[in-house]
Amino acid sequence: MNNASEFLTNVSIWALPTIFAIILHEVMHGFVALRFGDDTALRAGRLTLNPLSHIDLFGTIIMPAMLLFLHLPVFGYAKPVPVNFNCLRNPRFGMLLVAAAGPGTNIALAILSALAMRVVAGFVTAPWGPSIAVPLYLMLQASVWINIVLAVFNFLPLLPLDGGRVLYALLPQTAARAYARLEPFGFLILLVLLYTDSVERVINPIISAIARVLL
């Protein structure tokens, strides 16, 4: 019973920040693409904060809930926003900015959440603190963590992650073409790295360092 109660409490704290972080990450990909001439996401109705337009049943709901229940780091994903890189003005530079927009948005959200935490902390001892300020403080704290994790994870230089797109845009053209050939195997490589804890060994120190600055 206690485990179920603890799980429901954690869901109430983590659900909204997680969904918002994932959705805004995707929306900003499409927004930057639109600014560079590609309206694919706009025509697909994906430049909206309406969760129904972005939710992936497994990546946005089931996986984060499972990770939360298992007391593992919580992250997830939404349905990828469609981007036609060939339609971008200056496709390579446009790809770099479109790719960086998602993790960059998560970093911005982490910073804003950390600042808001400091404001809300001043009201924790108010008469309405236990019922409003404390839950809000915990949600903002969760927002800091989930946005840091999403940003660092997505910046891994592995296609089709955002970091892989950024690296592709920065490489000389010949090297970029060779690197792009790895994309069909990207998720398989990622699964192997996750299974062997290689990803955690790389990103956990970075996540902890950023969290120490913000929290």
N, C-alpha and C. Protein backbone atom coordinates (compact mmCIF):
# COMPACT_ATOMS: atom_id res chain seq x y z
N MET A 1 0.83 -1.20 0.00
CA MET A 1 0.00 0.00 0.00
C MET A 1 0.87 1.26 0.00
N ASN A 2 1.92 1.23 0.85
CA ASN A 2 2.82 2.37 0.92
C ASN A 2 3.53 2.60 -0.40
N ASN A 3 3.93 1.51 -1.07
CA ASN A 3 4.60 1.63 -2.37
C ASN A 3 3.68 2.25 -3.40
N ALA A 4 2.40 1.84 -3.39
CA ALA A 4 1.44 2.39 -4.33
C ALA A 4 1.22 3.87 -4.06
N SER A 5 1.12 4.22 -2.77
CA SER A 5 0.92 5.63 -2.41
C SER A 5 2.13 6.47 -2.80
N GLU A 6 3.33 5.93 -2.57
CA GLU A 6 4.55 6.65 -2.94
C GLU A 6 4.64 6.82 -4.45
N PHE A 7 4.25 5.76 -5.19
CA PHE A 7 4.29 5.83 -6.65
C PHE A 7 3.34 6.90 -7.17
N LEU A 8 2.11 6.95 -6.64
CA LEU A 8 1.13 7.94 -7.08
C LEU A 8 1.59 9.36 -6.75
N THR A 9 2.24 9.51 -5.59
CA THR A 9 2.77 10.82 -5.21
C THR A 9 3.85 11.25 -6.18
N ASN A 10 4.75 10.32 -6.50
CA ASN A 10 5.82 10.63 -7.44
C ASN A 10 5.28 10.97 -8.83
N VAL A 11 4.26 10.23 -9.27
CA VAL A 11 3.65 10.50 -10.57
C VAL A 11 3.08 11.90 -10.60
N SER A 12 2.38 12.30 -9.52
CA SER A 12 1.78 13.63 -9.47
C SER A 12 2.83 14.73 -9.52
N ILE A 13 4.03 14.45 -9.02
CA ILE A 13 5.10 15.45 -9.01
C ILE A 13 5.84 15.47 -10.35
N TRP A 14 6.08 14.30 -10.93
CA TRP A 14 6.93 14.19 -12.12
C TRP A 14 6.18 14.26 -13.44
N ALA A 15 4.90 13.91 -13.46
CA ALA A 15 4.19 13.76 -14.73
C ALA A 15 4.17 15.04 -15.56
N LEU A 16 3.69 16.13 -14.95
CA LEU A 16 3.55 17.38 -15.70
C LEU A 16 4.90 17.92 -16.18
N PRO A 17 5.93 18.02 -15.31
CA PRO A 17 7.23 18.50 -15.81
C PRO A 17 7.82 17.62 -16.91
N THR A 18 7.62 16.30 -16.80
CA THR A 18 8.17 15.39 -17.81
C THR A 18 7.50 15.59 -19.16
N ILE A 19 6.17 15.61 -19.15
CA ILE A 19 5.41 15.77 -20.40
C ILE A 19 5.73 17.12 -21.03
N PHE A 20 5.76 18.18 -20.22
CA PHE A 20 6.03 19.52 -20.75
C PHE A 20 7.43 19.60 -21.34
N ALA A 21 8.43 19.01 -20.65
CA ALA A 21 9.81 19.04 -21.13
C ALA A 21 9.94 18.31 -22.46
N ILE A 22 9.30 17.16 -22.58
CA ILE A 22 9.39 16.36 -23.80
C ILE A 22 8.71 17.08 -24.96
N ILE A 23 7.50 17.61 -24.70
CA ILE A 23 6.73 18.24 -25.77
C ILE A 23 7.39 19.53 -26.26
N LEU A 24 7.86 20.37 -25.33
CA LEU A 24 8.48 21.62 -25.75
C LEU A 24 9.78 21.35 -26.51
N HIS A 25 10.49 20.31 -26.12
CA HIS A 25 11.70 19.88 -26.84
C HIS A 25 11.36 19.64 -28.31
N GLU A 26 10.29 18.90 -28.58
CA GLU A 26 9.92 18.59 -29.95
C GLU A 26 9.38 19.81 -30.69
N VAL A 27 8.55 20.60 -30.01
CA VAL A 27 7.96 21.78 -30.65
C VAL A 27 9.05 22.74 -31.13
N MET A 28 10.11 22.89 -30.33
CA MET A 28 11.16 23.83 -30.71
C MET A 28 11.95 23.35 -31.92
N HIS A 29 12.07 22.02 -32.10
CA HIS A 29 12.66 21.52 -33.34
C HIS A 29 11.87 22.06 -34.53
N GLY A 30 10.55 21.90 -34.47
CA GLY A 30 9.70 22.34 -35.57
C GLY A 30 9.67 23.84 -35.74
N PHE A 31 9.71 24.58 -34.62
CA PHE A 31 9.67 26.04 -34.69
C PHE A 31 10.92 26.58 -35.37
N VAL A 32 12.09 26.07 -34.99
CA VAL A 32 13.34 26.53 -35.60
C VAL A 32 13.38 26.12 -37.07
N ALA A 33 12.89 24.92 -37.38
CA ALA A 33 12.84 24.49 -38.78
C ALA A 33 11.97 25.45 -39.59
N LEU A 34 10.84 25.87 -39.01
CA LEU A 34 9.96 26.81 -39.71
C LEU A 34 10.67 28.13 -39.96
N ARG A 35 11.43 28.60 -38.99
CA ARG A 35 12.17 29.85 -39.15
C ARG A 35 13.21 29.75 -40.27
N PHE A 36 13.66 28.53 -40.55
CA PHE A 36 14.66 28.33 -41.61
C PHE A 36 14.03 27.82 -42.90
N GLY A 37 12.70 27.90 -43.00
CA GLY A 37 12.06 27.65 -44.28
C GLY A 37 11.33 26.34 -44.45
N ASP A 38 11.34 25.46 -43.44
CA ASP A 38 10.64 24.18 -43.57
C ASP A 38 9.36 24.20 -42.74
N ASP A 39 8.21 24.13 -43.41
CA ASP A 39 6.92 24.20 -42.71
C ASP A 39 6.30 22.81 -42.53
N THR A 40 7.10 21.75 -42.63
CA THR A 40 6.57 20.38 -42.51
C THR A 40 5.84 20.18 -41.18
N ALA A 41 6.47 20.60 -40.08
CA ALA A 41 5.87 20.42 -38.76
C ALA A 41 4.59 21.25 -38.62
N LEU A 42 4.61 22.44 -39.18
CA LEU A 42 3.42 23.30 -39.12
C LEU A 42 2.26 22.65 -39.86
N ARG A 43 2.52 22.14 -41.07
CA ARG A 43 1.46 21.51 -41.85
C ARG A 43 0.96 20.23 -41.20
N ALA A 44 1.82 19.59 -40.41
CA ALA A 44 1.43 18.35 -39.72
C ALA A 44 0.70 18.64 -38.41
N GLY A 45 0.53 19.93 -38.08
CA GLY A 45 -0.15 20.29 -36.84
C GLY A 45 0.64 20.02 -35.59
N ARG A 46 1.99 20.05 -35.70
CA ARG A 46 2.84 19.70 -34.56
C ARG A 46 3.42 20.91 -33.84
N LEU A 47 3.16 22.12 -34.32
CA LEU A 47 3.66 23.31 -33.61
C LEU A 47 2.60 23.76 -32.61
N THR A 48 2.31 22.89 -31.67
CA THR A 48 1.30 23.15 -30.65
C THR A 48 1.75 22.51 -29.35
N LEU A 49 1.30 23.08 -28.23
CA LEU A 49 1.61 22.49 -26.92
C LEU A 49 0.54 21.50 -26.48
N ASN A 50 -0.42 21.25 -27.34
CA ASN A 50 -1.45 20.25 -27.04
C ASN A 50 -0.80 18.87 -26.94
N PRO A 51 -0.81 18.24 -25.75
CA PRO A 51 -0.11 16.96 -25.58
C PRO A 51 -0.62 15.88 -26.53
N LEU A 52 -1.89 15.93 -26.90
CA LEU A 52 -2.46 14.88 -27.75
C LEU A 52 -1.78 14.82 -29.12
N SER A 53 -1.20 15.95 -29.54
CA SER A 53 -0.53 15.98 -30.84
C SER A 53 0.87 15.38 -30.79
N HIS A 54 1.40 15.17 -29.59
CA HIS A 54 2.80 14.77 -29.46
C HIS A 54 3.01 13.47 -28.71
N ILE A 55 2.03 13.06 -27.91
CA ILE A 55 2.24 11.92 -27.01
C ILE A 55 2.47 10.62 -27.78
N ASP A 56 3.54 9.94 -27.42
CA ASP A 56 3.80 8.58 -27.85
C ASP A 56 3.46 7.69 -26.66
N LEU A 57 2.55 6.75 -26.84
CA LEU A 57 2.04 5.96 -25.72
C LEU A 57 3.16 5.35 -24.89
N PHE A 58 4.15 4.77 -25.57
CA PHE A 58 5.24 4.13 -24.83
C PHE A 58 6.24 5.16 -24.32
N GLY A 59 6.73 6.03 -25.23
CA GLY A 59 7.82 6.93 -24.88
C GLY A 59 7.45 8.05 -23.94
N THR A 60 6.19 8.51 -23.98
CA THR A 60 5.78 9.65 -23.16
C THR A 60 5.09 9.23 -21.87
N ILE A 61 4.49 8.04 -21.86
CA ILE A 61 3.70 7.64 -20.69
C ILE A 61 4.25 6.37 -20.04
N ILE A 62 4.28 5.27 -20.81
CA ILE A 62 4.62 3.97 -20.21
C ILE A 62 6.07 3.93 -19.72
N MET A 63 7.03 4.32 -20.57
CA MET A 63 8.43 4.23 -20.19
C MET A 63 8.77 5.12 -18.99
N PRO A 64 8.39 6.44 -18.98
CA PRO A 64 8.69 7.23 -17.79
C PRO A 64 8.06 6.67 -16.52
N ALA A 65 6.82 6.13 -16.65
CA ALA A 65 6.16 5.56 -15.47
C ALA A 65 6.91 4.33 -14.96
N MET A 66 7.37 3.48 -15.88
CA MET A 66 8.14 2.30 -15.49
C MET A 66 9.44 2.69 -14.80
N LEU A 67 10.15 3.67 -15.39
CA LEU A 67 11.40 4.12 -14.79
C LEU A 67 11.18 4.71 -13.40
N LEU A 68 10.09 5.47 -13.26
CA LEU A 68 9.75 6.07 -11.97
C LEU A 68 9.45 4.98 -10.95
N PHE A 69 8.68 3.98 -11.36
CA PHE A 69 8.31 2.88 -10.46
C PHE A 69 9.53 2.09 -10.02
N LEU A 70 10.51 1.96 -10.94
CA LEU A 70 11.72 1.19 -10.65
C LEU A 70 12.81 2.05 -9.98
N HIS A 71 12.47 3.32 -9.70
CA HIS A 71 13.40 4.26 -9.06
C HIS A 71 14.67 4.45 -9.90
N LEU A 72 14.49 4.50 -11.22
CA LEU A 72 15.58 4.76 -12.15
C LEU A 72 15.43 6.17 -12.70
N PRO A 73 16.51 6.74 -13.29
CA PRO A 73 16.40 8.09 -13.86
C PRO A 73 15.25 8.16 -14.87
N VAL A 74 14.43 9.19 -14.74
CA VAL A 74 13.24 9.30 -15.57
C VAL A 74 13.53 10.11 -16.83
N PHE A 75 13.24 9.54 -17.98
CA PHE A 75 13.27 10.30 -19.23
C PHE A 75 12.31 9.62 -20.20
N GLY A 76 12.04 10.26 -21.31
CA GLY A 76 11.11 9.70 -22.27
C GLY A 76 11.22 10.46 -23.58
N TYR A 77 10.28 10.23 -24.45
CA TYR A 77 10.30 10.92 -25.73
C TYR A 77 8.88 11.06 -26.26
N ALA A 78 8.69 12.05 -27.11
CA ALA A 78 7.42 12.24 -27.80
C ALA A 78 7.57 11.76 -29.24
N LYS A 79 6.47 11.78 -29.99
CA LYS A 79 6.58 11.48 -31.41
C LYS A 79 7.49 12.53 -32.05
N PRO A 80 8.52 12.11 -32.77
CA PRO A 80 9.43 13.10 -33.37
C PRO A 80 8.69 14.06 -34.29
N VAL A 81 9.03 15.34 -34.19
CA VAL A 81 8.45 16.34 -35.09
C VAL A 81 9.08 16.16 -36.47
N PRO A 82 8.28 16.07 -37.52
CA PRO A 82 8.84 15.88 -38.86
C PRO A 82 9.56 17.13 -39.36
N VAL A 83 10.77 16.94 -39.85
CA VAL A 83 11.57 18.03 -40.41
C VAL A 83 12.17 17.56 -41.74
N ASN A 84 11.99 18.35 -42.77
CA ASN A 84 12.61 18.07 -44.06
C ASN A 84 13.84 18.96 -44.19
N PHE A 85 15.01 18.40 -43.89
CA PHE A 85 16.23 19.20 -43.86
C PHE A 85 16.57 19.78 -45.24
N ASN A 86 16.10 19.13 -46.29
CA ASN A 86 16.37 19.64 -47.64
C ASN A 86 15.64 20.95 -47.93
N CYS A 87 14.60 21.23 -47.16
CA CYS A 87 13.83 22.47 -47.36
C CYS A 87 14.42 23.65 -46.60
N LEU A 88 15.39 23.38 -45.75
CA LEU A 88 15.96 24.46 -44.92
C LEU A 88 16.86 25.35 -45.76
N ARG A 89 16.80 26.64 -45.48
CA ARG A 89 17.81 27.54 -46.04
C ARG A 89 19.14 27.20 -45.38
N ASN A 90 20.18 27.02 -46.19
CA ASN A 90 21.48 26.58 -45.67
C ASN A 90 21.27 25.29 -44.86
N PRO A 91 21.01 24.16 -45.53
CA PRO A 91 20.61 22.93 -44.85
C PRO A 91 21.54 22.48 -43.72
N ARG A 92 22.87 22.57 -43.91
CA ARG A 92 23.77 22.07 -42.86
C ARG A 92 23.70 22.94 -41.62
N PHE A 93 23.76 24.26 -41.78
CA PHE A 93 23.66 25.15 -40.62
C PHE A 93 22.27 25.07 -40.01
N GLY A 94 21.25 24.98 -40.87
CA GLY A 94 19.89 24.86 -40.38
C GLY A 94 19.70 23.58 -39.58
N MET A 95 20.29 22.47 -40.07
CA MET A 95 20.20 21.21 -39.34
C MET A 95 20.82 21.33 -37.96
N LEU A 96 21.97 22.01 -37.89
CA LEU A 96 22.64 22.18 -36.60
C LEU A 96 21.73 22.90 -35.61
N LEU A 97 21.11 24.00 -36.06
CA LEU A 97 20.26 24.78 -35.16
C LEU A 97 18.98 24.05 -34.81
N VAL A 98 18.38 23.36 -35.79
CA VAL A 98 17.16 22.59 -35.52
C VAL A 98 17.45 21.50 -34.49
N ALA A 99 18.56 20.80 -34.67
CA ALA A 99 18.93 19.72 -33.75
C ALA A 99 19.23 20.26 -32.35
N ALA A 100 19.96 21.36 -32.29
CA ALA A 100 20.35 21.92 -30.99
C ALA A 100 19.18 22.56 -30.26
N ALA A 101 18.11 22.89 -30.99
CA ALA A 101 16.98 23.60 -30.39
C ALA A 101 16.31 22.78 -29.29
N GLY A 102 16.21 21.46 -29.48
CA GLY A 102 15.56 20.62 -28.48
C GLY A 102 16.30 20.58 -27.16
N PRO A 103 17.56 20.10 -27.14
CA PRO A 103 18.33 20.09 -25.90
C PRO A 103 18.55 21.50 -25.33
N GLY A 104 18.72 22.48 -26.23
CA GLY A 104 18.89 23.86 -25.75
C GLY A 104 17.67 24.34 -25.00
N THR A 105 16.49 23.96 -25.48
CA THR A 105 15.25 24.31 -24.79
C THR A 105 15.19 23.65 -23.41
N ASN A 106 15.63 22.40 -23.34
CA ASN A 106 15.63 21.72 -22.03
C ASN A 106 16.58 22.38 -21.04
N ILE A 107 17.74 22.84 -21.52
CA ILE A 107 18.66 23.55 -20.64
C ILE A 107 18.01 24.85 -20.14
N ALA A 108 17.35 25.57 -21.05
CA ALA A 108 16.67 26.81 -20.66
C ALA A 108 15.58 26.53 -19.63
N LEU A 109 14.82 25.45 -19.83
CA LEU A 109 13.76 25.09 -18.88
C LEU A 109 14.34 24.71 -17.53
N ALA A 110 15.48 24.02 -17.53
CA ALA A 110 16.13 23.64 -16.27
C ALA A 110 16.56 24.89 -15.49
N ILE A 111 17.11 25.87 -16.20
CA ILE A 111 17.55 27.11 -15.56
C ILE A 111 16.36 27.89 -15.00
N LEU A 112 15.30 28.02 -15.80
CA LEU A 112 14.10 28.74 -15.35
C LEU A 112 13.45 28.03 -14.17
N SER A 113 13.42 26.71 -14.21
CA SER A 113 12.83 25.95 -13.09
C SER A 113 13.64 26.14 -11.82
N ALA A 114 14.97 26.15 -11.95
CA ALA A 114 15.83 26.35 -10.78
C ALA A 114 15.63 27.74 -10.18
N LEU A 115 15.49 28.75 -11.03
CA LEU A 115 15.23 30.11 -10.54
C LEU A 115 13.87 30.18 -9.85
N ALA A 116 12.87 29.53 -10.45
CA ALA A 116 11.53 29.53 -9.85
C ALA A 116 11.53 28.81 -8.51
N MET A 117 12.35 27.76 -8.40
CA MET A 117 12.46 27.05 -7.12
C MET A 117 12.88 27.98 -6.00
N ARG A 118 13.83 28.86 -6.28
CA ARG A 118 14.32 29.78 -5.26
C ARG A 118 13.23 30.76 -4.82
N VAL A 119 12.38 31.14 -5.76
CA VAL A 119 11.26 32.03 -5.41
C VAL A 119 10.24 31.28 -4.56
N VAL A 120 9.87 30.09 -4.99
CA VAL A 120 8.84 29.31 -4.28
C VAL A 120 9.33 28.90 -2.90
N ALA A 121 10.64 28.66 -2.76
CA ALA A 121 11.19 28.26 -1.46
C ALA A 121 10.88 29.27 -0.37
N GLY A 122 10.75 30.53 -0.73
CA GLY A 122 10.44 31.57 0.25
C GLY A 122 9.04 31.50 0.79
N PHE A 123 8.17 30.69 0.15
CA PHE A 123 6.78 30.60 0.59
C PHE A 123 6.44 29.25 1.22
N VAL A 124 7.45 28.39 1.39
CA VAL A 124 7.20 27.06 1.94
C VAL A 124 6.64 27.12 3.34
N THR A 125 7.07 28.11 4.12
CA THR A 125 6.61 28.22 5.52
C THR A 125 5.34 29.06 5.66
N ALA A 126 4.80 29.53 4.54
CA ALA A 126 3.56 30.30 4.58
C ALA A 126 2.40 29.38 4.99
N PRO A 127 1.26 29.96 5.43
CA PRO A 127 0.12 29.12 5.83
C PRO A 127 -0.32 28.15 4.74
N TRP A 128 -0.20 28.56 3.48
CA TRP A 128 -0.60 27.69 2.37
C TRP A 128 0.58 26.92 1.80
N GLY A 129 1.73 27.02 2.48
CA GLY A 129 2.94 26.37 1.99
C GLY A 129 2.83 24.87 1.81
N PRO A 130 2.39 24.13 2.83
CA PRO A 130 2.34 22.67 2.69
C PRO A 130 1.43 22.18 1.57
N SER A 131 0.38 22.91 1.28
CA SER A 131 -0.58 22.44 0.28
C SER A 131 -0.27 22.94 -1.13
N ILE A 132 0.42 24.08 -1.25
CA ILE A 132 0.67 24.66 -2.57
C ILE A 132 2.17 24.82 -2.85
N ALA A 133 2.89 25.51 -1.97
CA ALA A 133 4.29 25.83 -2.23
C ALA A 133 5.18 24.58 -2.26
N VAL A 134 4.95 23.67 -1.31
CA VAL A 134 5.81 22.47 -1.26
C VAL A 134 5.62 21.59 -2.50
N PRO A 135 4.37 21.24 -2.89
CA PRO A 135 4.22 20.46 -4.13
C PRO A 135 4.79 21.19 -5.36
N LEU A 136 4.59 22.51 -5.42
CA LEU A 136 5.11 23.27 -6.55
C LEU A 136 6.64 23.24 -6.55
N TYR A 137 7.24 23.36 -5.38
CA TYR A 137 8.70 23.31 -5.26
C TYR A 137 9.23 21.95 -5.75
N LEU A 138 8.55 20.87 -5.35
CA LEU A 138 8.98 19.53 -5.76
C LEU A 138 8.81 19.33 -7.27
N MET A 139 7.76 19.90 -7.86
CA MET A 139 7.56 19.81 -9.30
C MET A 139 8.65 20.57 -10.05
N LEU A 140 9.02 21.74 -9.54
CA LEU A 140 10.08 22.51 -10.17
C LEU A 140 11.42 21.80 -10.04
N GLN A 141 11.65 21.17 -8.90
CA GLN A 141 12.87 20.39 -8.71
C GLN A 141 12.90 19.22 -9.70
N ALA A 142 11.77 18.54 -9.87
CA ALA A 142 11.68 17.46 -10.85
C ALA A 142 11.93 18.00 -12.26
N SER A 143 11.43 19.20 -12.55
CA SER A 143 11.63 19.81 -13.86
C SER A 143 13.10 20.05 -14.13
N VAL A 144 13.83 20.50 -13.11
CA VAL A 144 15.27 20.71 -13.28
C VAL A 144 15.95 19.40 -13.69
N TRP A 145 15.65 18.34 -12.94
CA TRP A 145 16.31 17.06 -13.20
C TRP A 145 15.94 16.49 -14.57
N ILE A 146 14.65 16.46 -14.89
CA ILE A 146 14.24 15.84 -16.15
C ILE A 146 14.78 16.62 -17.34
N ASN A 147 14.83 17.93 -17.24
CA ASN A 147 15.34 18.72 -18.36
C ASN A 147 16.85 18.58 -18.52
N ILE A 148 17.57 18.45 -17.42
CA ILE A 148 19.01 18.21 -17.52
C ILE A 148 19.27 16.85 -18.18
N VAL A 149 18.54 15.83 -17.72
CA VAL A 149 18.72 14.48 -18.27
C VAL A 149 18.41 14.47 -19.77
N LEU A 150 17.28 15.08 -20.16
CA LEU A 150 16.91 15.11 -21.57
C LEU A 150 17.95 15.83 -22.41
N ALA A 151 18.44 16.96 -21.91
CA ALA A 151 19.42 17.74 -22.67
C ALA A 151 20.72 16.96 -22.85
N VAL A 152 21.25 16.42 -21.77
CA VAL A 152 22.54 15.71 -21.84
C VAL A 152 22.42 14.44 -22.68
N PHE A 153 21.35 13.68 -22.45
CA PHE A 153 21.16 12.43 -23.20
C PHE A 153 21.04 12.71 -24.70
N ASN A 154 20.24 13.72 -25.06
CA ASN A 154 20.02 14.00 -26.48
C ASN A 154 21.23 14.62 -27.15
N PHE A 155 22.16 15.15 -26.37
CA PHE A 155 23.38 15.70 -26.96
C PHE A 155 24.45 14.63 -27.21
N LEU A 156 24.15 13.38 -26.90
CA LEU A 156 25.11 12.31 -27.24
C LEU A 156 25.36 12.33 -28.75
N PRO A 157 26.60 12.27 -29.17
CA PRO A 157 26.92 12.39 -30.62
C PRO A 157 26.66 11.11 -31.38
N LEU A 158 25.39 10.70 -31.38
CA LEU A 158 25.01 9.44 -32.01
C LEU A 158 23.73 9.65 -32.80
N LEU A 159 23.78 9.44 -34.10
CA LEU A 159 22.57 9.52 -34.91
C LEU A 159 21.63 8.37 -34.54
N PRO A 160 20.31 8.63 -34.42
CA PRO A 160 19.60 9.85 -34.83
C PRO A 160 19.33 10.84 -33.69
N LEU A 161 20.09 10.78 -32.60
CA LEU A 161 19.91 11.75 -31.52
C LEU A 161 20.33 13.14 -31.99
N ASP A 162 19.88 14.15 -31.25
CA ASP A 162 20.17 15.53 -31.65
C ASP A 162 21.67 15.80 -31.71
N GLY A 163 22.41 15.23 -30.77
CA GLY A 163 23.86 15.42 -30.78
C GLY A 163 24.50 14.86 -32.03
N GLY A 164 23.92 13.77 -32.55
CA GLY A 164 24.41 13.20 -33.79
C GLY A 164 24.17 14.13 -34.97
N ARG A 165 23.01 14.80 -34.99
CA ARG A 165 22.72 15.78 -36.05
C ARG A 165 23.67 16.96 -35.97
N VAL A 166 23.95 17.41 -34.76
CA VAL A 166 24.87 18.53 -34.58
C VAL A 166 26.26 18.15 -35.08
N LEU A 167 26.72 16.95 -34.70
CA LEU A 167 28.04 16.50 -35.14
C LEU A 167 28.09 16.37 -36.66
N TYR A 168 27.03 15.82 -37.26
CA TYR A 168 26.96 15.68 -38.71
C TYR A 168 27.12 17.05 -39.38
N ALA A 169 26.44 18.06 -38.84
CA ALA A 169 26.49 19.39 -39.45
C ALA A 169 27.87 20.02 -39.30
N LEU A 170 28.63 19.62 -38.28
CA LEU A 170 29.94 20.23 -38.03
C LEU A 170 31.07 19.51 -38.78
N LEU A 171 30.84 18.26 -39.14
CA LEU A 171 31.91 17.49 -39.82
C LEU A 171 32.11 17.96 -41.25
N PRO A 172 33.32 17.82 -41.78
CA PRO A 172 33.52 18.05 -43.22
C PRO A 172 32.60 17.11 -44.01
N GLN A 173 32.25 17.51 -45.21
CA GLN A 173 31.21 16.80 -45.96
C GLN A 173 31.52 15.32 -46.17
N THR A 174 32.77 15.00 -46.50
CA THR A 174 33.13 13.59 -46.72
C THR A 174 32.97 12.78 -45.45
N ALA A 175 33.46 13.33 -44.34
CA ALA A 175 33.33 12.63 -43.06
C ALA A 175 31.87 12.54 -42.63
N ALA A 176 31.08 13.59 -42.92
CA ALA A 176 29.67 13.59 -42.55
C ALA A 176 28.91 12.49 -43.29
N ARG A 177 29.23 12.31 -44.58
CA ARG A 177 28.56 11.25 -45.34
C ARG A 177 28.88 9.87 -44.77
N ALA A 178 30.14 9.67 -44.41
CA ALA A 178 30.55 8.39 -43.81
C ALA A 178 29.85 8.18 -42.47
N TYR A 179 29.77 9.24 -41.69
CA TYR A 179 29.12 9.17 -40.37
C TYR A 179 27.63 8.86 -40.52
N ALA A 180 26.99 9.43 -41.56
CA ALA A 180 25.56 9.23 -41.77
C ALA A 180 25.21 7.78 -42.05
N ARG A 181 26.16 7.01 -42.54
CA ARG A 181 25.90 5.60 -42.83
C ARG A 181 25.65 4.79 -41.57
N LEU A 182 26.03 5.35 -40.42
CA LEU A 182 25.81 4.64 -39.15
C LEU A 182 24.38 4.82 -38.63
N GLU A 183 23.62 5.76 -39.21
CA GLU A 183 22.30 6.09 -38.64
C GLU A 183 21.36 4.89 -38.57
N PRO A 184 21.29 4.00 -39.60
CA PRO A 184 20.38 2.86 -39.48
C PRO A 184 20.67 1.96 -38.29
N PHE A 185 21.90 2.02 -37.78
CA PHE A 185 22.30 1.19 -36.65
C PHE A 185 22.33 1.98 -35.34
N GLY A 186 21.88 3.25 -35.40
CA GLY A 186 22.01 4.13 -34.25
C GLY A 186 21.31 3.64 -33.00
N PHE A 187 20.06 3.20 -33.14
CA PHE A 187 19.32 2.75 -31.96
C PHE A 187 19.89 1.44 -31.41
N LEU A 188 20.36 0.58 -32.30
CA LEU A 188 20.98 -0.66 -31.84
C LEU A 188 22.25 -0.35 -31.06
N ILE A 189 23.07 0.57 -31.57
CA ILE A 189 24.28 0.99 -30.86
C ILE A 189 23.91 1.59 -29.50
N LEU A 190 22.87 2.41 -29.50
CA LEU A 190 22.44 3.05 -28.26
C LEU A 190 21.98 2.02 -27.24
N LEU A 191 21.22 1.02 -27.69
CA LEU A 191 20.76 -0.03 -26.78
C LEU A 191 21.93 -0.80 -26.17
N VAL A 192 22.94 -1.08 -26.99
CA VAL A 192 24.13 -1.78 -26.48
C VAL A 192 24.84 -0.92 -25.44
N LEU A 193 24.98 0.37 -25.74
CA LEU A 193 25.64 1.28 -24.80
C LEU A 193 24.86 1.41 -23.50
N LEU A 194 23.53 1.44 -23.61
CA LEU A 194 22.69 1.51 -22.41
C LEU A 194 22.80 0.22 -21.60
N TYR A 195 22.79 -0.91 -22.29
CA TYR A 195 22.84 -2.21 -21.62
C TYR A 195 24.15 -2.39 -20.87
N THR A 196 25.23 -1.86 -21.42
CA THR A 196 26.55 -2.01 -20.78
C THR A 196 26.86 -0.87 -19.82
N ASP A 197 25.87 0.00 -19.58
CA ASP A 197 26.03 1.16 -18.67
C ASP A 197 27.04 2.18 -19.17
N SER A 198 27.45 2.06 -20.43
CA SER A 198 28.42 3.01 -20.98
C SER A 198 27.84 4.43 -21.03
N VAL A 199 26.56 4.53 -21.38
CA VAL A 199 25.93 5.85 -21.46
C VAL A 199 25.89 6.50 -20.08
N GLU A 200 25.50 5.74 -19.07
CA GLU A 200 25.42 6.29 -17.72
C GLU A 200 26.78 6.77 -17.24
N ARG A 201 27.83 6.01 -17.53
CA ARG A 201 29.17 6.41 -17.09
C ARG A 201 29.61 7.72 -17.74
N VAL A 202 29.09 7.98 -18.94
CA VAL A 202 29.44 9.22 -19.64
C VAL A 202 28.58 10.38 -19.17
N ILE A 203 27.27 10.18 -19.12
CA ILE A 203 26.37 11.31 -18.88
C ILE A 203 26.13 11.62 -17.41
N ASN A 204 26.23 10.61 -16.53
CA ASN A 204 25.91 10.88 -15.12
C ASN A 204 26.80 11.96 -14.49
N PRO A 205 28.13 11.94 -14.72
CA PRO A 205 28.95 13.03 -14.16
C PRO A 205 28.56 14.40 -14.70
N ILE A 206 28.17 14.45 -15.99
CA ILE A 206 27.77 15.73 -16.58
C ILE A 206 26.45 16.20 -15.98
N ILE A 207 25.49 15.26 -15.84
CA ILE A 207 24.20 15.59 -15.25
C ILE A 207 24.39 16.09 -13.81
N SER A 208 25.22 15.38 -13.05
CA SER A 208 25.46 15.77 -11.65
C SER A 208 26.13 17.14 -11.56
N ALA A 209 27.08 17.41 -12.46
CA ALA A 209 27.77 18.70 -12.43
C ALA A 209 26.81 19.85 -12.72
N ILE A 210 25.94 19.68 -13.71
CA ILE A 210 24.97 20.74 -14.03
C ILE A 210 23.99 20.91 -12.89
N ALA A 211 23.53 19.77 -12.31
CA ALA A 211 22.58 19.84 -11.21
C ALA A 211 23.17 20.56 -10.00
N ARG A 212 24.46 20.34 -9.74
CA ARG A 212 25.10 21.01 -8.60
C ARG A 212 25.11 22.52 -8.80
N VAL A 213 25.22 22.96 -10.03
CA VAL A 213 25.21 24.41 -10.31
C VAL A 213 23.82 24.99 -10.12
N LEU A 214 22.81 24.25 -10.57
CA LEU A 214 21.45 24.79 -10.59
C LEU A 214 20.69 24.60 -9.29
N LEU A 215 20.97 23.51 -8.57
CA LEU A 215 20.17 23.19 -7.38
C LEU A 215 20.83 23.65 -6.09
